[in-house]
Amino acid sequence: MAFTTLCKLADLLEGKSAAFALDGREVLLLWPYDGTLKAFQGLCPHQEISLADALFDGRILMCQAHRWAFDGCNGRGIAPHFCQLAQYALRIEDGLVLVDVASPVSLGA
C-alpha cells in the first residue's frame, strides 16, 4: 500500500467532511459523530459530480446535485440503496492523516 499524507488530524472536526485532491482523484474525508474518520471517493457515483459541497449532517452525506444519500460510516447508499462510495484505506500517524487511493477497501456484502 502506498499511503500519502492528506492533512493534519487537528484540522478535522467530528461530524464534518473535508474534500481533497490526491493523485488525480477527489477524496472525501468523513468523520461521523461517534464514529471513526473514513476516506471515500470524492465523486458521486450517479454522475461523477464532486462531493466537495455535499451536505453532511454528521451521519448522512447527501449529494447536492440529485440528492443521492450515503451512510457516513460505511459509504453505503441510502437513497438509492444500490449505490456505494468506494472507501480508501486510511491511517493516522504522528497526528497526520494518510490515505491510500490505489487500493479501495472491500466492504463485503
N, C-alpha and C. Protein backbone atom coordinates (compact mmCIF):
# COMPACT_ATOMS: atom_id res chain seq x y z
N MET A 1 0.84 -1.18 0.00
CA MET A 1 0.00 0.00 0.00
C MET A 1 0.88 1.24 0.00
N ALA A 2 0.44 2.25 -0.74
CA ALA A 2 1.18 3.50 -0.83
C ALA A 2 0.38 4.61 -0.17
N PHE A 3 0.62 4.81 1.10
CA PHE A 3 -0.08 5.85 1.83
C PHE A 3 0.56 7.21 1.58
N THR A 4 -0.30 8.22 1.42
CA THR A 4 0.14 9.59 1.19
C THR A 4 -0.50 10.48 2.24
N THR A 5 0.26 11.42 2.77
CA THR A 5 -0.27 12.36 3.76
C THR A 5 -1.28 13.28 3.10
N LEU A 6 -2.44 13.38 3.72
CA LEU A 6 -3.52 14.21 3.20
C LEU A 6 -3.66 15.51 3.98
N CYS A 7 -3.59 15.43 5.31
CA CYS A 7 -3.77 16.63 6.14
C CYS A 7 -3.39 16.30 7.58
N LYS A 8 -3.49 17.29 8.44
CA LYS A 8 -3.30 17.09 9.88
C LYS A 8 -4.64 16.69 10.49
N LEU A 9 -4.61 15.75 11.39
CA LEU A 9 -5.83 15.33 12.08
C LEU A 9 -6.43 16.50 12.84
N ALA A 10 -5.61 17.38 13.38
CA ALA A 10 -6.08 18.53 14.17
C ALA A 10 -6.92 19.50 13.32
N ASP A 11 -6.79 19.43 11.99
CA ASP A 11 -7.55 20.32 11.11
C ASP A 11 -8.96 19.80 10.83
N LEU A 12 -9.29 18.61 11.32
CA LEU A 12 -10.59 17.99 11.05
C LEU A 12 -11.45 18.00 12.32
N LEU A 13 -12.76 18.01 12.11
CA LEU A 13 -13.69 18.02 13.23
C LEU A 13 -14.69 16.86 13.11
N GLU A 14 -15.00 16.25 14.23
CA GLU A 14 -16.02 15.20 14.25
C GLU A 14 -17.35 15.79 13.78
N GLY A 15 -18.05 15.04 12.94
CA GLY A 15 -19.33 15.48 12.40
C GLY A 15 -19.20 16.31 11.14
N LYS A 16 -17.98 16.44 10.62
CA LYS A 16 -17.74 17.27 9.43
C LYS A 16 -17.11 16.45 8.31
N SER A 17 -17.08 17.05 7.14
CA SER A 17 -16.41 16.46 5.98
C SER A 17 -15.33 17.42 5.49
N ALA A 18 -14.40 16.87 4.71
CA ALA A 18 -13.34 17.68 4.11
C ALA A 18 -12.94 17.03 2.79
N ALA A 19 -12.83 17.85 1.74
CA ALA A 19 -12.51 17.35 0.40
C ALA A 19 -11.06 17.69 0.05
N PHE A 20 -10.42 16.76 -0.67
CA PHE A 20 -9.03 16.90 -1.07
C PHE A 20 -8.82 16.30 -2.46
N ALA A 21 -7.77 16.73 -3.12
CA ALA A 21 -7.32 16.10 -4.36
C ALA A 21 -6.05 15.32 -4.03
N LEU A 22 -5.99 14.07 -4.47
CA LEU A 22 -4.84 13.23 -4.17
C LEU A 22 -4.59 12.29 -5.35
N ASP A 23 -3.42 12.38 -5.93
CA ASP A 23 -3.04 11.51 -7.06
C ASP A 23 -4.08 11.53 -8.18
N GLY A 24 -4.59 12.73 -8.49
CA GLY A 24 -5.54 12.89 -9.58
C GLY A 24 -6.96 12.44 -9.25
N ARG A 25 -7.23 12.17 -8.00
CA ARG A 25 -8.58 11.75 -7.57
C ARG A 25 -9.11 12.70 -6.51
N GLU A 26 -10.42 12.81 -6.48
CA GLU A 26 -11.05 13.55 -5.39
C GLU A 26 -11.29 12.59 -4.24
N VAL A 27 -10.89 13.01 -3.06
CA VAL A 27 -11.04 12.20 -1.84
C VAL A 27 -11.85 13.00 -0.85
N LEU A 28 -12.81 12.33 -0.22
CA LEU A 28 -13.65 12.98 0.77
C LEU A 28 -13.45 12.29 2.11
N LEU A 29 -13.03 13.06 3.11
CA LEU A 29 -12.93 12.55 4.47
C LEU A 29 -14.23 12.84 5.18
N LEU A 30 -14.78 11.83 5.83
CA LEU A 30 -15.98 11.98 6.65
C LEU A 30 -15.66 11.51 8.05
N TRP A 31 -16.06 12.30 9.03
CA TRP A 31 -15.87 11.91 10.42
C TRP A 31 -17.25 11.92 11.08
N PRO A 32 -17.95 10.79 11.01
CA PRO A 32 -19.29 10.73 11.59
C PRO A 32 -19.27 10.91 13.10
N TYR A 33 -20.36 11.47 13.64
CA TYR A 33 -20.49 11.56 15.10
C TYR A 33 -20.38 10.16 15.69
N ASP A 34 -19.65 10.02 16.78
CA ASP A 34 -19.45 8.74 17.46
C ASP A 34 -18.90 7.67 16.54
N GLY A 35 -18.17 8.08 15.51
CA GLY A 35 -17.58 7.13 14.57
C GLY A 35 -16.10 7.40 14.39
N THR A 36 -15.53 6.74 13.41
CA THR A 36 -14.13 6.93 13.10
C THR A 36 -13.98 7.62 11.75
N LEU A 37 -12.90 8.30 11.58
CA LEU A 37 -12.61 9.01 10.35
C LEU A 37 -12.51 8.02 9.20
N LYS A 38 -13.14 8.34 8.06
CA LYS A 38 -13.15 7.48 6.87
C LYS A 38 -12.77 8.30 5.65
N ALA A 39 -12.18 7.62 4.65
CA ALA A 39 -11.85 8.25 3.37
C ALA A 39 -12.65 7.56 2.27
N PHE A 40 -13.35 8.37 1.46
CA PHE A 40 -14.17 7.84 0.37
C PHE A 40 -13.85 8.56 -0.93
N GLN A 41 -14.30 7.96 -2.02
CA GLN A 41 -14.20 8.64 -3.32
C GLN A 41 -14.93 9.96 -3.19
N GLY A 42 -14.42 10.98 -3.84
CA GLY A 42 -15.00 12.32 -3.73
C GLY A 42 -15.95 12.67 -4.85
N LEU A 43 -16.34 11.68 -5.64
CA LEU A 43 -17.31 11.90 -6.72
C LEU A 43 -18.53 11.03 -6.49
N CYS A 44 -19.70 11.60 -6.66
CA CYS A 44 -20.95 10.84 -6.54
C CYS A 44 -20.99 9.81 -7.67
N PRO A 45 -21.32 8.56 -7.37
CA PRO A 45 -21.36 7.54 -8.41
C PRO A 45 -22.48 7.74 -9.43
N HIS A 46 -23.41 8.62 -9.14
CA HIS A 46 -24.53 8.85 -10.05
C HIS A 46 -24.06 9.47 -11.36
N GLN A 47 -23.45 10.65 -11.29
CA GLN A 47 -22.97 11.33 -12.50
C GLN A 47 -21.58 11.93 -12.29
N GLU A 48 -20.83 11.34 -11.36
CA GLU A 48 -19.47 11.77 -11.06
C GLU A 48 -19.36 13.26 -10.76
N ILE A 49 -20.31 13.75 -10.00
CA ILE A 49 -20.32 15.14 -9.55
C ILE A 49 -19.54 15.21 -8.23
N SER A 50 -18.72 16.23 -8.08
CA SER A 50 -17.91 16.38 -6.88
C SER A 50 -18.78 16.43 -5.63
N LEU A 51 -18.31 15.74 -4.60
CA LEU A 51 -19.00 15.76 -3.31
C LEU A 51 -18.39 16.78 -2.35
N ALA A 52 -17.51 17.64 -2.87
CA ALA A 52 -16.86 18.65 -2.03
C ALA A 52 -17.88 19.56 -1.35
N ASP A 53 -18.99 19.84 -2.02
CA ASP A 53 -20.02 20.71 -1.45
C ASP A 53 -21.25 19.94 -1.00
N ALA A 54 -21.12 18.63 -0.88
CA ALA A 54 -22.24 17.81 -0.43
C ALA A 54 -22.61 18.17 1.01
N LEU A 55 -23.82 17.90 1.38
CA LEU A 55 -24.30 18.15 2.74
C LEU A 55 -23.95 16.94 3.61
N PHE A 56 -23.35 17.18 4.76
CA PHE A 56 -23.03 16.11 5.70
C PHE A 56 -23.50 16.55 7.07
N ASP A 57 -24.43 15.80 7.65
CA ASP A 57 -25.00 16.18 8.95
C ASP A 57 -24.35 15.44 10.11
N GLY A 58 -23.22 14.79 9.84
CA GLY A 58 -22.55 14.03 10.88
C GLY A 58 -22.90 12.56 10.83
N ARG A 59 -23.88 12.22 9.99
CA ARG A 59 -24.29 10.83 9.82
C ARG A 59 -24.52 10.47 8.36
N ILE A 60 -25.20 11.35 7.64
CA ILE A 60 -25.58 11.09 6.25
C ILE A 60 -24.96 12.14 5.34
N LEU A 61 -24.38 11.67 4.24
CA LEU A 61 -23.83 12.54 3.20
C LEU A 61 -24.84 12.60 2.06
N MET A 62 -25.19 13.82 1.62
CA MET A 62 -26.15 13.96 0.53
C MET A 62 -25.57 14.81 -0.58
N CYS A 63 -25.52 14.24 -1.78
CA CYS A 63 -25.05 14.96 -2.95
C CYS A 63 -26.05 16.06 -3.27
N GLN A 64 -25.57 17.28 -3.45
CA GLN A 64 -26.47 18.40 -3.70
C GLN A 64 -27.07 18.38 -5.10
N ALA A 65 -26.45 17.68 -6.03
CA ALA A 65 -26.94 17.70 -7.41
C ALA A 65 -28.27 16.97 -7.56
N HIS A 66 -28.35 15.73 -7.07
CA HIS A 66 -29.56 14.93 -7.28
C HIS A 66 -30.05 14.25 -6.00
N ARG A 67 -29.49 14.66 -4.85
CA ARG A 67 -29.94 14.20 -3.53
C ARG A 67 -29.68 12.72 -3.25
N TRP A 68 -28.69 12.13 -3.93
CA TRP A 68 -28.31 10.77 -3.55
C TRP A 68 -27.69 10.85 -2.16
N ALA A 69 -28.00 9.86 -1.31
CA ALA A 69 -27.56 9.89 0.09
C ALA A 69 -26.76 8.65 0.45
N PHE A 70 -25.77 8.83 1.32
CA PHE A 70 -24.85 7.76 1.70
C PHE A 70 -24.64 7.76 3.20
N ASP A 71 -24.48 6.57 3.78
CA ASP A 71 -24.16 6.42 5.19
C ASP A 71 -22.72 6.88 5.40
N GLY A 72 -22.51 7.83 6.29
CA GLY A 72 -21.18 8.39 6.53
C GLY A 72 -20.22 7.44 7.22
N CYS A 73 -20.73 6.35 7.78
CA CYS A 73 -19.86 5.39 8.46
C CYS A 73 -19.26 4.36 7.51
N ASN A 74 -20.00 4.04 6.42
CA ASN A 74 -19.52 2.98 5.54
C ASN A 74 -19.66 3.28 4.05
N GLY A 75 -20.25 4.40 3.67
CA GLY A 75 -20.38 4.78 2.28
C GLY A 75 -21.51 4.08 1.53
N ARG A 76 -22.26 3.25 2.21
CA ARG A 76 -23.36 2.53 1.56
C ARG A 76 -24.50 3.48 1.22
N GLY A 77 -25.14 3.19 0.09
CA GLY A 77 -26.24 4.01 -0.36
C GLY A 77 -27.46 3.90 0.53
N ILE A 78 -28.10 5.04 0.76
CA ILE A 78 -29.36 5.09 1.49
C ILE A 78 -30.48 5.38 0.49
N ALA A 79 -30.23 6.32 -0.39
CA ALA A 79 -31.20 6.68 -1.43
C ALA A 79 -30.43 7.05 -2.69
N PRO A 80 -30.38 6.18 -3.66
CA PRO A 80 -30.94 4.82 -3.67
C PRO A 80 -30.04 3.85 -2.90
N HIS A 81 -30.61 2.73 -2.52
CA HIS A 81 -29.89 1.77 -1.68
C HIS A 81 -28.84 0.97 -2.43
N PHE A 82 -28.89 0.92 -3.75
CA PHE A 82 -27.97 0.09 -4.52
C PHE A 82 -26.63 0.77 -4.82
N CYS A 83 -26.46 2.02 -4.44
CA CYS A 83 -25.22 2.73 -4.75
C CYS A 83 -24.22 2.55 -3.60
N GLN A 84 -22.97 2.90 -3.86
CA GLN A 84 -21.90 2.72 -2.87
C GLN A 84 -20.75 3.67 -3.19
N LEU A 85 -20.19 4.30 -2.19
CA LEU A 85 -18.96 5.07 -2.37
C LEU A 85 -17.77 4.15 -2.12
N ALA A 86 -16.76 4.24 -2.97
CA ALA A 86 -15.53 3.47 -2.73
C ALA A 86 -14.85 4.06 -1.50
N GLN A 87 -14.39 3.17 -0.64
CA GLN A 87 -13.68 3.60 0.57
C GLN A 87 -12.21 3.30 0.40
N TYR A 88 -11.36 4.23 0.86
CA TYR A 88 -9.92 4.07 0.76
C TYR A 88 -9.33 3.77 2.13
N ALA A 89 -8.23 3.04 2.12
CA ALA A 89 -7.52 2.75 3.36
C ALA A 89 -7.02 4.07 3.96
N LEU A 90 -7.14 4.18 5.28
CA LEU A 90 -6.76 5.39 6.00
C LEU A 90 -6.06 4.99 7.28
N ARG A 91 -5.04 5.73 7.62
CA ARG A 91 -4.40 5.54 8.92
C ARG A 91 -3.91 6.89 9.43
N ILE A 92 -3.70 6.95 10.73
CA ILE A 92 -3.25 8.18 11.37
C ILE A 92 -1.91 7.90 12.03
N GLU A 93 -0.91 8.71 11.67
CA GLU A 93 0.42 8.56 12.23
C GLU A 93 0.97 9.93 12.60
N ASP A 94 1.44 10.05 13.81
CA ASP A 94 2.06 11.29 14.28
C ASP A 94 1.18 12.51 14.02
N GLY A 95 -0.13 12.35 14.20
CA GLY A 95 -1.05 13.46 14.03
C GLY A 95 -1.38 13.79 12.59
N LEU A 96 -0.95 12.95 11.65
CA LEU A 96 -1.23 13.16 10.23
C LEU A 96 -2.19 12.10 9.71
N VAL A 97 -3.06 12.49 8.78
CA VAL A 97 -3.99 11.57 8.15
C VAL A 97 -3.37 11.12 6.83
N LEU A 98 -3.19 9.81 6.69
CA LEU A 98 -2.61 9.22 5.48
C LEU A 98 -3.67 8.36 4.79
N VAL A 99 -3.72 8.44 3.47
CA VAL A 99 -4.72 7.71 2.68
C VAL A 99 -4.02 7.01 1.53
N ASP A 100 -4.54 5.82 1.18
CA ASP A 100 -4.07 5.07 0.02
C ASP A 100 -5.22 4.96 -0.96
N VAL A 101 -5.17 5.74 -2.05
CA VAL A 101 -6.26 5.71 -3.04
C VAL A 101 -6.08 4.62 -4.07
N ALA A 102 -4.95 3.95 -4.07
CA ALA A 102 -4.69 2.92 -5.07
C ALA A 102 -5.42 1.60 -4.75
N SER A 103 -5.79 1.40 -3.51
CA SER A 103 -6.41 0.14 -3.09
C SER A 103 -7.69 0.39 -2.32
N PRO A 104 -8.84 0.45 -3.02
CA PRO A 104 -10.10 0.64 -2.30
C PRO A 104 -10.33 -0.49 -1.30
N VAL A 105 -10.95 -0.17 -0.18
CA VAL A 105 -11.26 -1.13 0.86
C VAL A 105 -12.50 -1.91 0.45
N SER A 106 -12.47 -3.23 0.60
CA SER A 106 -13.62 -4.05 0.29
C SER A 106 -14.56 -4.05 1.49
N LEU A 107 -15.83 -3.72 1.23
CA LEU A 107 -16.81 -3.65 2.32
C LEU A 107 -17.60 -4.95 2.47
N GLY A 108 -17.48 -5.86 1.53
CA GLY A 108 -18.21 -7.12 1.61
C GLY A 108 -19.68 -6.93 1.31
N ALA A 109 -20.45 -7.95 1.62
CA ALA A 109 -21.89 -7.91 1.33
C ALA A 109 -22.66 -7.27 2.45
